[in-house]
Protein backbone atom coordinates (compact mmCIF):
# COMPACT_ATOMS: atom_id res chain seq x y z
CA MET A 1 91.36 96.97 106.76
CA THR A 2 92.90 98.60 103.53
CA VAL A 3 96.33 99.76 103.43
CA SER A 4 97.94 100.93 100.07
CA GLY A 5 95.17 99.19 98.14
CA THR A 6 95.70 95.85 99.67
CA THR A 7 92.88 93.99 101.58
CA TYR A 8 93.98 92.21 104.83
CA THR A 9 91.50 89.61 106.26
CA ASP A 10 92.14 87.82 109.54
CA GLY A 11 95.90 88.48 109.39
CA VAL A 12 96.28 87.07 105.71
CA ALA A 13 96.82 89.47 102.60
CA ARG A 14 94.57 88.57 99.84
CA THR A 15 95.80 89.04 96.24
CA PRO A 16 94.17 92.03 94.42
CA ASP A 17 91.89 90.86 91.71
CA ALA A 18 93.81 92.31 88.76
CA ASP A 19 90.72 91.84 86.22
CA ARG A 20 88.53 94.05 88.47
CA HIS A 21 91.28 96.62 88.84
CA ALA A 22 92.11 96.79 85.29
CA ARG A 23 88.27 97.44 84.41
CA ASP A 24 88.22 100.05 87.12
CA TYR A 25 91.40 101.67 85.55
CA ILE A 26 90.15 101.60 81.88
CA ASP A 27 86.70 103.10 83.07
CA ARG A 28 88.47 106.02 84.83
CA VAL A 29 90.66 106.50 81.80
CA VAL A 30 87.62 106.61 79.36
CA GLU A 31 85.82 108.94 81.65
CA SER A 32 88.73 111.24 82.03
CA HIS A 33 89.01 111.36 78.19
CA ARG A 34 85.29 112.13 78.06
CA ARG A 35 85.59 114.92 80.50
CA ASN A 36 88.20 116.50 78.61
CA GLY A 37 86.24 116.54 75.37
CA TYR A 38 87.54 113.53 73.66
CA GLY A 39 84.79 111.29 71.99
CA LEU A 40 86.53 108.10 73.19
CA ARG A 41 84.28 105.12 72.58
CA LEU A 42 85.45 101.52 72.83
CA SER A 43 83.90 98.53 71.30
CA LYS A 44 83.28 95.60 73.51
CA LYS A 45 86.22 93.76 71.74
CA ARG A 46 88.67 96.74 72.24
CA TYR A 47 87.43 97.08 75.77
CA GLU A 48 88.01 93.64 76.68
CA ALA A 49 91.54 93.63 74.94
CA ALA A 50 92.48 96.68 76.86
CA VAL A 51 91.39 95.20 80.16
CA ALA A 52 93.29 91.92 79.42
CA GLN A 53 96.45 94.01 78.61
CA VAL A 54 96.11 96.14 81.73
CA ALA A 55 95.39 93.16 83.84
CA GLU A 56 98.51 91.32 82.55
CA THR A 57 100.51 94.25 83.54
CA PHE A 58 98.95 94.31 86.97
CA ARG A 59 99.65 90.66 87.25
CA GLY A 60 103.38 91.00 86.44
CA LEU A 61 103.72 94.23 88.93
CA ILE A 62 102.02 92.04 91.60
CA ASP A 63 104.45 89.00 90.91
CA ALA A 64 107.23 91.27 90.87
CA SER A 65 106.33 92.66 94.30
CA SER A 66 105.72 89.17 95.63
CA ARG A 67 109.29 88.12 94.53
CA ASN A 68 110.91 91.13 96.17
CA ARG A 69 109.05 90.41 99.48
CA ALA A 70 110.53 86.89 99.56
CA ALA A 71 114.09 87.84 98.77
């Protein structure tokens, strides 16, 4: 079952895969820019750098959320 993007299995919540979510996010942004007429092309190096930066942000949000639930 999925609730608010979090997957629950056997009553235990799994931590979302930040890298996978970051790749999905970057792909959506690039596709949105292309649909709006911008010729956005990322080299593999820049794509991986963007994914790493977004994944780190996602991990920070997940950690902050976990700390708030524990408090």
